[in-house]
Amino acid sequence: MTEPAQHWLRSRSVHSAAELQSLAEDLGPILRGGDLLILTGGLGAGKTTFTQGLGRGLGVRGTVISPTFILVRNHPSLTGGPGLVHVDAYRLDGTEEIDDLDLEATLDSSVTVIEWGAGRAEHLSDSRLEITITRPTGAGSAAGGAGITTDFSDDVDEEREVRVAGFGPRWSAGPPPGLLD
């Protein structure tokens, strides 16, 4: 598969874990079965916090918690919409180990979120959203990236920068109205 083009990039600062969840919750109704989201950010950046809000926005069953030790958690829809498949690829070495998870079985009917999926999961779909969560710190943060840190706790209300990039045909018309406005 040829690497799809990035069609757009949006970013927004959030100032608390609750605001991060709210942003993700607003994204939920925009998504449909077959959508792939690849989440990037350091340990404790808020990837699972984001996915919790997304789960609320999708109206799925169950508490969204990190799938670190079991790798994949499935959350069926309570509303007739797509379910949520939440994957943690941190301990996986590459595309072959992602393929061993058999995500293809649910990919078309669910929204699939893969934490730590960059460089491992892009091959699963010809379209995806790449979501990067970072926290600018220190005086150098306004100068284009110096001083960027990503290792902070999900339960601490600190500023985060959320970047969402749309790749492939699904996102070629641009970002959905209201996304990160």
Foldseek 3Di string as FASTA:
>chain_A
DDQFDWQDKDKDKDQALVRLLCLLLVCQVVDAFQEEEEEEFDAQLNLQSNVQSNCNSVQWDDGRDDCVPVFWDWTCHPPPTATEIEGECPPPDAQVVVVVVVCVVRNRRHYYYYYVCVRHCSVVDQKYKYKYKWAADDPCSVVPDPRIDGDDHNHDRGMIMIMIIITHDVQNVHDDPPNND
